Amino acid sequence: MLKEFKEFAMRGNVVDMAVGIIIGGAFGTIVKSLVADVIMPPIGLLLGGVDFSDLFVTLKDGSSAGPYATLASAQEAGAVVISYGVFINAVISFLIVAFAVFLLIRTINQLRREEEEAPAEPTTKECGQCYSTISIKATRCPHCTSEIA
């Protein structure tokens, strides 16, 4: 059983999939940082200094009564909140990842189309005397016996 598992795990597809998952996780971390640390602060500044990660609605106060200045203080007090700002960040992260995947698939499809469109080398030619189809390597026509240049 261990031998069969080793054979399964060392197949090319399984290893490729593992590498893809690891790189995808790392890419997700980079995109999350890009959204939270680079994209959202200027957008928040343009909208009047709003920090999207601190946008929330309090459904029920916690041990200490609100209003709470930040999402962290609301969660620390045990308040029940809907943190829609974190959701907005997650949606933007998803859109960036989806766009990157779209660009990757588009590039792969273009490369495939270029491979398919490459014309095949001709294997036949036409005799200049009798107009029969003959092999491209022929030096004499098998039909009319004329020499092919």
Protein backbone atom coordinates (compact mmCIF):
# COMPACT_ATOMS: atom_id res chain seq x y z
CA MET A 1 0.00 0.00 0.00
CA LEU A 2 2.86 2.41 0.79
CA LYS A 3 4.44 1.62 -2.58
CA GLU A 4 1.19 2.40 -4.41
CA PHE A 5 0.84 5.70 -2.54
CA LYS A 6 4.43 6.62 -3.43
CA GLU A 7 3.75 5.89 -7.12
CA PHE A 8 0.58 7.99 -6.97
CA ALA A 9 2.24 10.91 -5.18
CA MET A 10 5.21 11.00 -7.54
CA ARG A 11 3.14 11.17 -10.73
CA GLY A 12 3.74 14.31 -12.73
CA ASN A 13 0.19 15.63 -12.41
CA VAL A 14 0.12 15.34 -8.62
CA VAL A 15 3.46 17.11 -8.24
CA ASP A 16 2.39 19.83 -10.70
CA MET A 17 -0.85 20.30 -8.78
CA ALA A 18 1.02 20.58 -5.47
CA VAL A 19 3.37 23.19 -6.89
CA GLY A 20 0.39 25.11 -8.28
CA ILE A 21 -1.37 25.10 -4.91
CA ILE A 22 1.74 26.32 -3.10
CA ILE A 23 2.36 29.10 -5.63
CA GLY A 24 -1.34 30.00 -5.57
CA GLY A 25 -1.26 30.35 -1.78
CA ALA A 26 1.79 32.58 -1.97
CA PHE A 27 0.16 34.64 -4.74
CA GLY A 28 -2.97 35.01 -2.61
CA THR A 29 -0.88 36.37 0.26
CA ILE A 30 0.79 38.88 -2.06
CA VAL A 31 -2.58 40.00 -3.47
CA LYS A 32 -4.05 40.34 0.03
CA SER A 33 -1.13 42.58 1.02
CA LEU A 34 -1.44 44.54 -2.24
CA VAL A 35 -5.12 45.23 -1.57
CA ALA A 36 -4.84 45.96 2.17
CA ASP A 37 -1.56 47.90 2.14
CA VAL A 38 -1.34 49.54 -1.31
CA ILE A 39 -4.74 49.84 -3.02
CA MET A 40 -7.21 50.46 -0.19
CA PRO A 41 -5.35 53.25 1.71
CA PRO A 42 -5.40 55.69 -1.27
CA ILE A 43 -9.03 54.80 -2.00
CA GLY A 44 -9.88 55.38 1.65
CA LEU A 45 -7.99 58.68 1.58
CA LEU A 46 -9.94 59.80 -1.51
CA LEU A 47 -13.19 58.90 0.26
CA GLY A 48 -12.39 61.06 3.27
CA GLY A 49 -9.95 58.98 5.30
CA VAL A 50 -12.06 55.82 5.49
CA ASP A 51 -10.23 52.64 6.52
CA PHE A 52 -12.17 49.84 4.81
CA SER A 53 -10.92 47.19 7.22
CA ASP A 54 -12.64 49.10 10.06
CA LEU A 55 -16.05 49.40 8.38
CA PHE A 56 -18.59 47.39 10.36
CA VAL A 57 -22.13 47.40 11.70
CA THR A 58 -22.78 46.51 15.33
CA LEU A 59 -25.69 44.10 15.71
CA LYS A 60 -25.38 43.65 19.49
CA ASP A 61 -23.14 45.39 21.99
CA GLY A 62 -20.57 43.39 23.89
CA SER A 63 -19.52 43.56 27.55
CA SER A 64 -18.86 47.29 27.24
CA ALA A 65 -21.38 49.48 25.44
CA GLY A 66 -20.52 50.95 22.04
CA PRO A 67 -19.97 52.86 19.84
CA TYR A 68 -16.68 51.20 19.02
CA ALA A 69 -13.91 53.09 17.24
CA THR A 70 -12.46 50.09 15.43
CA LEU A 71 -13.45 46.58 14.47
CA ALA A 72 -10.78 45.19 16.78
CA SER A 73 -12.19 47.07 19.79
CA ALA A 74 -15.71 45.83 18.98
CA GLN A 75 -14.53 42.24 18.69
CA GLU A 76 -12.47 42.59 21.88
CA ALA A 77 -15.61 43.73 23.73
CA GLY A 78 -17.46 40.68 22.40
CA ALA A 79 -19.86 42.64 20.22
CA VAL A 80 -21.67 40.91 17.37
CA VAL A 81 -20.68 42.75 14.20
CA ILE A 82 -20.98 42.52 10.43
CA SER A 83 -17.55 43.53 9.14
CA TYR A 84 -18.43 44.54 5.59
CA GLY A 85 -15.14 46.45 5.14
CA VAL A 86 -13.16 43.21 5.39
CA PHE A 87 -15.60 41.72 2.87
CA ILE A 88 -14.93 44.62 0.45
CA ASN A 89 -11.18 43.94 0.77
CA ALA A 90 -11.79 40.24 0.07
CA VAL A 91 -13.88 41.03 -3.02
CA ILE A 92 -11.17 43.31 -4.41
CA SER A 93 -8.55 40.62 -3.71
CA PHE A 94 -10.69 38.08 -5.54
CA LEU A 95 -11.11 40.38 -8.54
CA ILE A 96 -7.34 40.87 -8.78
CA VAL A 97 -6.68 37.11 -8.58
CA ALA A 98 -9.46 36.39 -11.11
CA PHE A 99 -8.01 38.98 -13.49
CA ALA A 100 -4.53 37.47 -13.15
CA VAL A 101 -5.91 33.97 -13.85
CA PHE A 102 -7.84 35.35 -16.84
CA LEU A 103 -4.64 36.86 -18.27
CA LEU A 104 -2.80 33.57 -17.72
CA ILE A 105 -5.49 31.50 -19.48
CA ARG A 106 -5.74 34.03 -22.29
CA THR A 107 -1.98 33.79 -22.88
CA ILE A 108 -2.08 29.98 -22.84
CA ASN A 109 -4.97 29.98 -25.36
CA GLN A 110 -3.06 32.34 -27.67
CA LEU A 111 -0.01 30.07 -27.54
CA ARG A 112 -2.18 27.04 -28.37
CA ARG A 113 -3.75 28.85 -31.32
CA GLU A 114 -0.30 29.75 -32.68
CA GLU A 115 0.74 26.08 -32.48
CA GLU A 116 -2.44 24.94 -34.26
CA GLU A 117 -2.16 27.58 -36.99
CA ALA A 118 1.40 26.62 -37.98
CA PRO A 119 1.08 25.12 -41.48
CA ALA A 120 2.34 21.61 -42.02
CA GLU A 121 5.20 21.02 -44.44
CA PRO A 122 3.86 19.87 -47.83
CA THR A 123 4.37 16.18 -48.61
CA THR A 124 3.24 16.28 -52.25
CA LYS A 125 3.73 18.43 -55.34
CA GLU A 126 2.28 18.58 -58.82
CA CYS A 127 4.01 17.34 -61.97
CA GLY A 128 4.54 20.21 -64.44
CA GLN A 129 3.83 17.97 -67.47
CA CYS A 130 0.83 15.77 -66.56
CA TYR A 131 -0.36 17.67 -63.45
CA SER A 132 -0.52 14.49 -61.35
CA THR A 133 0.09 14.67 -57.61
CA ILE A 134 3.44 13.11 -56.71
CA SER A 135 5.72 12.88 -53.68
CA ILE A 136 7.70 15.99 -52.82
CA LYS A 137 10.91 13.90 -52.91
CA ALA A 138 10.30 12.54 -56.42
CA THR A 139 12.76 13.48 -59.17
CA ARG A 140 10.76 11.77 -61.94
CA CYS A 141 6.97 11.57 -62.37
CA PRO A 142 5.70 7.98 -62.00
CA HIS A 143 2.80 8.74 -64.35
CA CYS A 144 4.47 10.40 -67.35
CA THR A 145 8.15 9.69 -66.52
CA SER A 146 9.19 13.30 -67.06
CA GLU A 147 12.00 14.69 -64.91
CA ILE A 148 10.97 17.03 -62.12
CA ALA A 149 13.20 20.04 -61.47
